[in-house]
Amino acid sequence: MSDGDNLESEILDPGSTRRLVLRILFGLLFVYILIFTISYTLEYQVNFDFVRFLTGTRIMLLAVGGCYLWLIRENLVELLDPFAACLLLIIVSGALSGLLDQKDWLTYFRHFFQYAFLLAFYLLGRDVACRSVPEGAVKILSSAILCGYMVATAIYVATPGLQLGGYSFQPNLALLSVASSLATSNWVGSVVGCLVVVIGDKRAVYLGLSLIIAVYIAVIINRRSHRTKFERLAIIVVGTPIVSLGLGVVVTALGWAMMSYGNVRVATVVERFTLEPTYNGGAEATAANEAKVSPLVRLTSARNIEAEAVWNLVSKSPYQALFGNGFGSKFTVRYISPNNYKPVEFSRDQADLAPVHVALTSGLPLAIVFTVLLSGLIFASLIKVWTAVGVDLTMTLFSIGTFVDSLLGFQATNPLCWMALGIVSRSVLPNVSLAWLARSPTVQQLPENA
């Protein structure tokens, strides 16, 4: 066979094409990481809207991911599990419900894009789990995350006003670096990742970090001295708040030291776990002003107001409660700001709480099923984490850590989060799929019994 024939054969080889698409996808993930980690702080130094770059990268990611799923379309039935089926129902319900009423079409397609993105990368993760994930690739992505956040932190420190406690540069990707560093006993990387989360000022991510460390400690204890299931669970349940408090004490002590010796005042996420005012935008925190603010608004960052607003919207009729208000829906939040004690009223098309957002677009039943299935996958990963090593341990720890942030700060277009969950789901429940259900003897006998 000639060289030309060999080249043509390689180009037409489905396996070769899939590998090429995966390499392109990996490159785009690298670009996405750098833009995501740096752009939030860079916008304060450069008068430029970096959101368009993030959006463009996400569109390219979905296009390449969709192309890959098309190439493996014969295997999709094996990849579809109950969680993926729930996502499909969410898309169908939201798309159809959104057509029954006049909607903002830009928001309609935005909602559709979000859920399609989530589903695509979850399925990609389940397919990638069937083959060996290179440890070097995970290390490259983790290093890119740390480098990007280090640049973001430098810009953050150099920008007056950002350190007052009212800003976050979205440190959730740092959990992958922490998970990877712990899985490979890289203590320097672990400390740097923890530092990013603490400065990043996101409470859900901080809780996720505490959970990752507690699970890792439980894994190490179990390897040295085998423990029962109850003991391992007890270590995690007790260890998570202890780790959280311990990190808080260390961070607070370092903060006071910086104030004493360097006269540097930098707010951290630890200070936000309080009902007392931590950032008031220059307004006076008098007793009269504080009486105007609901403690729940400060504690939940107004997420309770979002839940109430969405409930008031979908509870208008049984149909809306069952199938949601559809893609393109918006809701209005009204509350007294804990930052300046003034009334706040604005419309939103994105709820931070994942169950609330699903209920808005696709109905309460699917919101409940989504939450139960997501929680079930994380619980299943906790059962299997004791035998995981290398990349499997990294992805399991990362998925466990991002669970809290996924529920409290829903980011359907975070490719790493949902791809990792897909990898973990295929690892812990390898036989659970729609194809497996179709092959089940019980299912096969149903028509005969009928």
Protein backbone atom coordinates (compact mmCIF):
# COMPACT_ATOMS: atom_id res chain seq x y z
CA MET A 1 0.00 0.00 0.00
CA SER A 2 1.36 3.45 -0.93
CA ASP A 3 1.96 6.32 1.52
CA GLY A 4 -1.03 8.11 0.02
CA ASP A 5 -3.24 5.11 0.67
CA ASN A 6 -1.95 4.91 4.25
CA LEU A 7 -2.72 8.59 4.81
CA GLU A 8 -6.19 8.23 3.34
CA SER A 9 -6.84 5.15 5.48
CA GLU A 10 -5.74 7.01 8.62
CA ILE A 11 -7.95 9.99 7.81
CA LEU A 12 -10.96 7.79 7.17
CA ASP A 13 -10.31 5.68 10.29
CA PRO A 14 -13.08 6.54 12.82
CA GLY A 15 -10.72 5.98 15.74
CA SER A 16 -8.19 8.42 14.29
CA THR A 17 -10.87 11.05 13.75
CA ARG A 18 -12.15 10.64 17.30
CA ARG A 19 -8.66 11.09 18.72
CA LEU A 20 -8.19 14.24 16.64
CA VAL A 21 -11.48 15.69 17.90
CA LEU A 22 -10.53 14.83 21.49
CA ARG A 23 -7.20 16.65 21.06
CA ILE A 24 -9.02 19.72 19.73
CA LEU A 25 -11.40 19.51 22.68
CA PHE A 26 -8.47 19.31 25.10
CA GLY A 27 -6.92 22.41 23.53
CA LEU A 28 -10.19 24.30 23.87
CA LEU A 29 -10.47 23.25 27.51
CA PHE A 30 -7.00 24.70 28.09
CA VAL A 31 -8.03 27.99 26.47
CA TYR A 32 -11.31 28.02 28.43
CA ILE A 33 -9.45 27.56 31.72
CA LEU A 34 -7.12 30.50 31.10
CA ILE A 35 -9.96 32.81 30.06
CA PHE A 36 -12.22 31.70 32.93
CA THR A 37 -9.60 32.06 35.65
CA ILE A 38 -8.11 35.39 34.58
CA SER A 39 -10.92 37.34 32.93
CA TYR A 40 -12.97 38.19 36.04
CA THR A 41 -10.16 40.23 37.60
CA LEU A 42 -8.62 41.39 34.32
CA GLU A 43 -11.84 43.23 33.45
CA TYR A 44 -11.12 45.62 36.34
CA GLN A 45 -7.75 46.55 34.83
CA VAL A 46 -8.65 46.47 31.13
CA ASN A 47 -11.77 48.15 29.82
CA PHE A 48 -12.95 45.15 27.83
CA ASP A 49 -15.85 42.72 28.03
CA PHE A 50 -14.27 39.27 28.35
CA VAL A 51 -17.66 37.57 28.65
CA ARG A 52 -17.83 37.39 24.85
CA PHE A 53 -14.62 35.35 24.82
CA LEU A 54 -16.02 32.97 27.45
CA THR A 55 -19.25 32.64 25.48
CA GLY A 56 -17.39 32.07 22.23
CA THR A 57 -15.18 29.41 23.83
CA ARG A 58 -18.22 27.64 25.26
CA ILE A 59 -19.91 27.65 21.85
CA MET A 60 -16.80 26.10 20.28
CA LEU A 61 -16.58 23.56 23.10
CA LEU A 62 -20.18 22.49 22.54
CA ALA A 63 -19.67 22.33 18.76
CA VAL A 64 -16.58 20.12 19.10
CA GLY A 65 -18.20 18.06 21.86
CA GLY A 66 -21.30 17.58 19.72
CA CYS A 67 -19.12 16.53 16.80
CA TYR A 68 -17.47 13.89 18.97
CA LEU A 69 -20.84 12.59 20.21
CA TRP A 70 -21.95 12.31 16.60
CA LEU A 71 -18.89 10.20 15.82
CA ILE A 72 -19.78 7.80 18.66
CA ARG A 73 -23.54 7.93 18.07
CA GLU A 74 -23.74 4.13 17.88
CA ASN A 75 -22.63 4.00 21.54
CA LEU A 76 -24.96 6.70 22.90
CA VAL A 77 -27.50 4.18 24.20
CA GLU A 78 -24.74 2.74 26.38
CA LEU A 79 -23.89 6.22 27.66
CA LEU A 80 -27.43 7.31 28.52
CA ASP A 81 -28.07 6.67 32.20
CA PRO A 82 -30.96 7.91 34.41
CA PHE A 83 -29.23 11.26 35.04
CA ALA A 84 -28.72 11.85 31.31
CA ALA A 85 -32.33 10.79 30.67
CA CYS A 86 -33.44 13.34 33.29
CA LEU A 87 -31.47 16.04 31.47
CA LEU A 88 -33.17 15.08 28.20
CA LEU A 89 -36.59 15.38 29.86
CA ILE A 90 -35.59 18.77 31.30
CA ILE A 91 -34.70 19.97 27.81
CA VAL A 92 -37.92 18.62 26.24
CA SER A 93 -40.16 19.97 29.00
CA GLY A 94 -38.49 23.39 29.05
CA ALA A 95 -38.43 23.72 25.27
CA LEU A 96 -42.10 22.82 24.83
CA SER A 97 -43.32 24.86 27.81
CA GLY A 98 -41.40 27.86 26.54
CA LEU A 99 -43.27 27.72 23.22
CA LEU A 100 -46.67 28.07 24.89
CA ASP A 101 -46.15 31.65 25.99
CA GLN A 102 -44.42 34.72 24.61
CA LYS A 103 -40.78 34.58 25.72
CA ASP A 104 -37.52 36.40 25.17
CA TRP A 105 -36.00 34.27 22.41
CA LEU A 106 -32.41 35.16 23.30
CA THR A 107 -33.05 33.84 26.82
CA TYR A 108 -34.91 30.84 25.37
CA PHE A 109 -31.87 29.74 23.37
CA ARG A 110 -29.57 30.58 26.28
CA HIS A 111 -31.48 28.15 28.52
CA PHE A 112 -31.45 25.52 25.79
CA PHE A 113 -27.69 26.00 25.32
CA GLN A 114 -27.04 25.61 29.06
CA TYR A 115 -28.79 22.25 29.40
CA ALA A 116 -27.45 20.97 26.06
CA PHE A 117 -23.94 21.88 27.18
CA LEU A 118 -24.41 20.10 30.51
CA LEU A 119 -25.76 16.96 28.83
CA ALA A 120 -23.06 16.90 26.14
CA PHE A 121 -20.16 17.10 28.56
CA TYR A 122 -21.72 14.63 30.97
CA LEU A 123 -22.01 12.13 28.09
CA LEU A 124 -18.47 12.97 26.97
CA GLY A 125 -17.24 12.16 30.45
CA ARG A 126 -19.05 8.83 30.43
CA ASP A 127 -17.41 7.94 27.11
CA VAL A 128 -13.94 9.10 28.18
CA ALA A 129 -14.29 6.90 31.28
CA CYS A 130 -14.33 3.85 28.96
CA ARG A 131 -10.72 4.51 28.02
CA SER A 132 -7.65 5.41 30.07
CA VAL A 133 -7.54 9.13 30.92
CA PRO A 134 -3.90 10.28 30.69
CA GLU A 135 -2.64 11.48 34.05
CA GLY A 136 -0.43 13.97 32.22
CA ALA A 137 -3.48 15.64 30.66
CA VAL A 138 -5.07 16.12 34.10
CA LYS A 139 -1.80 17.58 35.43
CA ILE A 140 -1.60 20.01 32.50
CA LEU A 141 -5.16 21.24 33.11
CA SER A 142 -4.54 21.49 36.86
CA SER A 143 -1.33 23.47 36.29
CA ALA A 144 -3.15 25.79 33.88
CA ILE A 145 -5.82 26.37 36.52
CA LEU A 146 -3.26 27.29 39.19
CA CYS A 147 -1.31 29.54 36.81
CA GLY A 148 -4.48 31.31 35.73
CA TYR A 149 -5.65 31.86 39.29
CA MET A 150 -2.20 33.09 40.35
CA VAL A 151 -2.42 35.77 37.67
CA ALA A 152 -5.97 36.55 38.81
CA THR A 153 -4.81 36.80 42.43
CA ALA A 154 -1.97 39.17 41.49
CA ILE A 155 -4.42 41.43 39.64
CA TYR A 156 -6.83 41.16 42.59
CA VAL A 157 -4.19 42.26 45.11
CA ALA A 158 -3.06 45.11 42.84
CA THR A 159 -6.59 46.45 42.31
CA PRO A 160 -7.79 48.78 45.10
CA GLY A 161 -11.35 48.15 46.24
CA LEU A 162 -11.57 44.46 45.35
CA GLN A 163 -10.27 43.33 48.75
CA LEU A 164 -13.19 44.75 50.72
CA GLY A 165 -15.23 41.55 50.61
CA GLY A 166 -17.77 42.25 47.87
CA TYR A 167 -16.00 40.42 45.03
CA SER A 168 -15.32 36.87 43.89
CA PHE A 169 -13.24 35.61 40.98
CA GLN A 170 -15.05 32.23 40.77
CA PRO A 171 -12.46 29.87 42.30
CA ASN A 172 -14.39 26.61 41.69
CA LEU A 173 -11.91 25.25 39.14
CA ALA A 174 -9.22 25.37 41.83
CA LEU A 175 -10.91 22.33 43.38
CA LEU A 176 -9.58 20.25 40.45
CA SER A 177 -6.05 21.38 41.23
CA VAL A 178 -6.52 20.55 44.92
CA ALA A 179 -7.97 17.12 44.08
CA SER A 180 -5.17 16.35 41.61
CA SER A 181 -2.50 17.53 44.05
CA LEU A 182 -3.89 15.44 46.91
CA ALA A 183 -4.19 12.35 44.69
CA THR A 184 -0.49 12.69 43.73
CA SER A 185 0.72 13.84 47.19
CA ASN A 186 1.72 17.23 45.80
CA TRP A 187 1.45 19.28 48.98
CA VAL A 188 2.64 22.54 47.42
CA GLY A 189 -0.10 22.39 44.80
CA SER A 190 -2.64 21.53 47.50
CA VAL A 191 -1.70 24.56 49.61
CA VAL A 192 -1.74 26.91 46.61
CA GLY A 193 -5.17 25.58 45.55
CA CYS A 194 -6.52 26.06 49.07
CA LEU A 195 -5.19 29.61 49.10
CA VAL A 196 -7.00 30.39 45.86
CA VAL A 197 -10.30 29.10 47.26
CA VAL A 198 -9.91 31.12 50.48
CA ILE A 199 -9.16 34.36 48.61
CA GLY A 200 -11.79 33.58 45.97
CA ASP A 201 -14.62 34.46 48.37
CA LYS A 202 -17.16 31.74 47.43
CA ARG A 203 -18.66 29.96 50.43
CA ALA A 204 -19.98 26.96 48.49
CA VAL A 205 -16.51 26.36 47.01
CA TYR A 206 -14.95 26.69 50.47
CA LEU A 207 -17.34 24.05 51.81
CA GLY A 208 -16.47 21.86 48.82
CA LEU A 209 -12.79 22.26 49.64
CA SER A 210 -13.42 21.20 53.25
CA LEU A 211 -15.34 18.16 52.00
CA ILE A 212 -12.52 17.16 49.61
CA ILE A 213 -9.93 17.34 52.40
CA ALA A 214 -12.14 15.41 54.83
CA VAL A 215 -12.77 12.64 52.27
CA TYR A 216 -9.07 12.45 51.45
CA ILE A 217 -8.20 12.15 55.16
CA ALA A 218 -10.77 9.36 55.48
CA VAL A 219 -9.25 7.57 52.46
CA ILE A 220 -5.74 7.76 53.96
CA ILE A 221 -6.94 6.53 57.37
CA ASN A 222 -8.82 3.67 55.71
CA ARG A 223 -5.74 2.62 53.71
CA ARG A 224 -3.57 2.48 56.81
CA SER A 225 -6.16 0.78 58.98
CA HIS A 226 -9.24 -0.69 57.32
CA ARG A 227 -12.43 0.88 58.68
CA THR A 228 -16.07 -0.12 58.51
CA LYS A 229 -18.49 1.77 56.26
CA PHE A 230 -20.00 3.52 59.29
CA GLU A 231 -16.59 4.61 60.57
CA ARG A 232 -15.56 5.97 57.19
CA LEU A 233 -18.80 7.92 56.87
CA ALA A 234 -18.40 9.22 60.42
CA ILE A 235 -14.90 10.50 59.61
CA ILE A 236 -16.27 12.46 56.65
CA VAL A 237 -19.32 13.82 58.51
CA VAL A 238 -17.29 14.90 61.53
CA GLY A 239 -14.17 15.81 59.60
CA THR A 240 -15.76 18.26 57.15
CA PRO A 241 -16.83 20.89 59.74
CA ILE A 242 -13.56 20.37 61.67
CA VAL A 243 -11.51 20.99 58.51
CA SER A 244 -13.67 24.01 57.68
CA LEU A 245 -13.21 25.49 61.16
CA GLY A 246 -9.51 24.64 61.16
CA LEU A 247 -8.92 26.38 57.85
CA GLY A 248 -10.92 29.32 59.17
CA VAL A 249 -8.73 29.65 62.27
CA VAL A 250 -5.53 29.51 60.21
CA VAL A 251 -6.80 32.03 57.67
CA THR A 252 -8.03 34.41 60.36
CA ALA A 253 -4.69 34.23 62.20
CA LEU A 254 -2.77 34.95 59.00
CA GLY A 255 -5.12 37.84 58.27
CA TRP A 256 -4.43 39.42 61.66
CA ALA A 257 -0.70 38.89 61.16
CA MET A 258 -0.82 40.72 57.84
CA MET A 259 -2.72 43.56 59.48
CA SER A 260 -0.17 43.78 62.32
CA TYR A 261 3.01 43.67 60.28
CA GLY A 262 2.10 44.87 56.83
CA ASN A 263 -1.06 46.91 57.41
CA VAL A 264 -2.68 44.88 54.64
CA ARG A 265 -6.40 44.23 54.84
CA VAL A 266 -7.69 41.45 52.59
CA ALA A 267 -11.16 39.99 53.14
CA THR A 268 -11.53 36.21 52.81
CA VAL A 269 -14.38 33.79 52.39
CA VAL A 270 -14.17 32.83 56.09
CA GLU A 271 -15.59 36.20 57.11
CA ARG A 272 -18.76 35.59 55.07
CA PHE A 273 -19.98 32.78 57.35
CA THR A 274 -21.72 35.23 59.64
CA LEU A 275 -24.97 37.12 59.97
CA GLU A 276 -23.04 40.27 60.84
CA PRO A 277 -22.30 42.85 58.11
CA THR A 278 -18.94 42.23 56.38
CA TYR A 279 -19.30 44.52 53.37
CA ASN A 280 -21.60 47.50 53.38
CA GLY A 281 -20.39 49.66 50.51
CA GLY A 282 -19.85 52.70 52.71
CA ALA A 283 -23.32 52.58 54.31
CA GLU A 284 -23.52 52.88 58.10
CA ALA A 285 -24.35 49.58 59.80
CA THR A 286 -26.68 50.99 62.43
CA ALA A 287 -29.22 48.96 64.37
CA ALA A 288 -32.03 50.65 62.44
CA ASN A 289 -30.46 49.78 59.10
CA GLU A 290 -29.74 46.20 60.13
CA ALA A 291 -33.37 45.76 61.18
CA LYS A 292 -34.35 46.25 57.54
CA VAL A 293 -32.27 43.28 56.34
CA SER A 294 -33.49 39.71 56.54
CA PRO A 295 -30.77 37.49 58.10
CA LEU A 296 -31.57 34.85 55.46
CA VAL A 297 -30.75 37.31 52.68
CA ARG A 298 -27.26 37.82 54.06
CA LEU A 299 -26.75 34.14 54.91
CA THR A 300 -27.91 32.84 51.51
CA SER A 301 -26.82 35.82 49.35
CA ALA A 302 -30.52 36.35 48.49
CA ARG A 303 -30.96 32.79 47.17
CA ASN A 304 -34.00 32.40 49.41
CA ILE A 305 -35.55 35.37 47.59
CA GLU A 306 -34.91 33.63 44.26
CA ALA A 307 -36.63 30.47 45.50
CA GLU A 308 -39.65 32.45 46.70
CA ALA A 309 -39.87 34.40 43.42
CA VAL A 310 -39.71 31.24 41.28
CA TRP A 311 -42.26 29.48 43.50
CA ASN A 312 -44.65 32.43 43.14
CA LEU A 313 -44.21 32.18 39.37
CA VAL A 314 -44.66 28.43 38.84
CA SER A 315 -47.37 27.96 41.48
CA LYS A 316 -49.85 30.04 39.51
CA SER A 317 -51.21 26.91 37.83
CA PRO A 318 -50.80 23.11 38.16
CA TYR A 319 -49.41 23.00 34.61
CA GLN A 320 -46.61 25.45 35.41
CA ALA A 321 -45.79 23.56 38.60
CA LEU A 322 -45.55 20.27 36.69
CA PHE A 323 -43.79 21.44 33.53
CA GLY A 324 -42.25 24.76 34.52
CA ASN A 325 -42.52 28.16 32.93
CA GLY A 326 -40.35 27.08 30.01
CA PHE A 327 -37.15 28.24 28.41
CA GLY A 328 -37.00 32.01 28.11
CA SER A 329 -38.62 32.58 31.52
CA LYS A 330 -37.64 35.37 33.86
CA PHE A 331 -38.48 36.14 37.47
CA THR A 332 -38.28 39.27 39.63
CA VAL A 333 -36.49 39.45 42.98
CA ARG A 334 -37.23 42.11 45.60
CA TYR A 335 -35.37 42.58 48.87
CA ILE A 336 -33.46 45.06 51.03
CA SER A 337 -29.77 45.00 50.17
CA PRO A 338 -27.45 44.05 53.06
CA ASN A 339 -24.75 46.16 51.38
CA ASN A 340 -26.39 49.60 51.31
CA TYR A 341 -29.76 48.93 53.03
CA LYS A 342 -31.71 50.13 50.00
CA PRO A 343 -34.56 48.34 48.19
CA VAL A 344 -33.39 46.08 45.35
CA GLU A 345 -35.59 44.94 42.46
CA PHE A 346 -34.46 43.36 39.22
CA SER A 347 -35.33 40.56 36.81
CA ARG A 348 -33.28 37.42 36.35
CA ASP A 349 -33.38 34.49 33.95
CA GLN A 350 -30.88 32.38 35.90
CA ALA A 351 -31.42 31.08 39.44
CA ASP A 352 -28.29 30.26 41.44
CA LEU A 353 -29.89 27.27 43.13
CA ALA A 354 -29.87 24.37 40.66
CA PRO A 355 -33.23 22.86 41.77
CA VAL A 356 -34.84 26.29 41.60
CA HIS A 357 -33.55 26.91 38.07
CA VAL A 358 -34.75 23.50 36.86
CA ALA A 359 -38.15 24.15 38.49
CA LEU A 360 -38.33 27.51 36.69
CA THR A 361 -37.68 26.10 33.22
CA SER A 362 -38.94 22.52 33.42
CA GLY A 363 -41.12 21.95 36.48
CA LEU A 364 -40.96 20.87 40.12
CA PRO A 365 -40.98 17.06 39.53
CA LEU A 366 -37.91 17.20 37.28
CA ALA A 367 -36.20 19.58 39.73
CA ILE A 368 -36.67 16.97 42.47
CA VAL A 369 -35.53 14.09 40.24
CA PHE A 370 -32.47 16.08 39.08
CA THR A 371 -31.44 16.81 42.68
CA VAL A 372 -32.01 13.23 43.84
CA LEU A 373 -30.05 11.71 40.95
CA LEU A 374 -27.17 14.17 41.30
CA SER A 375 -27.02 13.50 45.05
CA GLY A 376 -27.20 9.76 44.36
CA LEU A 377 -24.20 9.91 42.02
CA ILE A 378 -22.16 11.73 44.66
CA PHE A 379 -23.21 9.22 47.32
CA ALA A 380 -22.22 6.36 45.00
CA SER A 381 -18.83 7.99 44.46
CA LEU A 382 -18.34 8.15 48.23
CA ILE A 383 -18.84 4.40 48.36
CA LYS A 384 -16.24 3.76 45.64
CA VAL A 385 -13.66 6.42 46.59
CA TRP A 386 -11.85 4.05 48.97
CA THR A 387 -10.41 1.97 46.12
CA ALA A 388 -9.84 4.83 43.65
CA VAL A 389 -6.28 5.85 42.71
CA GLY A 390 -4.63 8.26 40.29
CA VAL A 391 -6.98 9.99 37.86
CA ASP A 392 -10.00 8.12 39.25
CA LEU A 393 -9.30 9.50 42.72
CA THR A 394 -8.78 13.00 41.28
CA MET A 395 -12.08 12.99 39.42
CA THR A 396 -13.95 11.49 42.36
CA LEU A 397 -12.62 14.08 44.82
CA PHE A 398 -13.29 16.88 42.33
CA SER A 399 -16.90 15.76 41.73
CA ILE A 400 -17.52 15.45 45.47
CA GLY A 401 -16.06 18.92 46.04
CA THR A 402 -18.05 20.63 43.28
CA PHE A 403 -21.32 19.05 44.42
CA VAL A 404 -22.14 21.86 46.85
CA ASP A 405 -21.26 24.56 44.34
CA SER A 406 -23.25 22.81 41.59
CA LEU A 407 -26.38 22.95 43.75
CA LEU A 408 -25.89 26.41 45.29
CA GLY A 409 -24.24 28.17 42.33
CA PHE A 410 -25.57 26.37 39.26
CA GLN A 411 -23.12 26.61 36.35
CA ALA A 412 -24.42 24.38 33.60
CA THR A 413 -21.68 25.56 31.23
CA ASN A 414 -18.73 24.44 33.35
CA PRO A 415 -17.27 21.69 31.12
CA LEU A 416 -14.78 20.30 33.64
CA CYS A 417 -17.38 19.89 36.38
CA TRP A 418 -19.89 17.89 34.33
CA MET A 419 -17.28 15.94 32.37
CA ALA A 420 -15.73 14.82 35.66
CA LEU A 421 -19.17 13.79 36.94
CA GLY A 422 -19.69 11.73 33.79
CA ILE A 423 -16.35 10.00 34.32
CA VAL A 424 -17.21 9.24 37.93
CA SER A 425 -20.72 8.00 37.11
CA ARG A 426 -19.39 5.50 34.57
CA SER A 427 -16.72 4.42 37.03
CA VAL A 428 -18.99 3.84 40.05
CA LEU A 429 -22.04 2.54 38.12
CA PRO A 430 -20.57 0.99 34.95
CA ASN A 431 -23.63 -1.10 34.06
CA VAL A 432 -26.36 1.46 34.73
CA SER A 433 -27.59 2.71 31.35
CA LEU A 434 -30.70 2.65 29.22
CA ALA A 435 -29.14 -0.15 27.16
CA TRP A 436 -28.65 -2.20 30.34
CA LEU A 437 -32.28 -1.61 31.30
CA ALA A 438 -33.40 -2.71 27.82
CA ARG A 439 -31.40 -5.92 28.19
CA SER A 440 -32.80 -6.60 31.65
CA PRO A 441 -34.74 -9.92 31.72
CA THR A 442 -37.57 -8.22 33.60
CA VAL A 443 -37.96 -5.59 30.88
CA GLN A 444 -37.71 -8.19 28.14
CA GLN A 445 -40.49 -10.25 29.68
CA LEU A 446 -42.89 -7.34 30.08
CA PRO A 447 -44.53 -7.67 26.63
CA GLU A 448 -45.04 -11.43 27.16
CA ASN A 449 -46.52 -10.93 30.60
CA ALA A 450 -48.77 -8.21 29.31
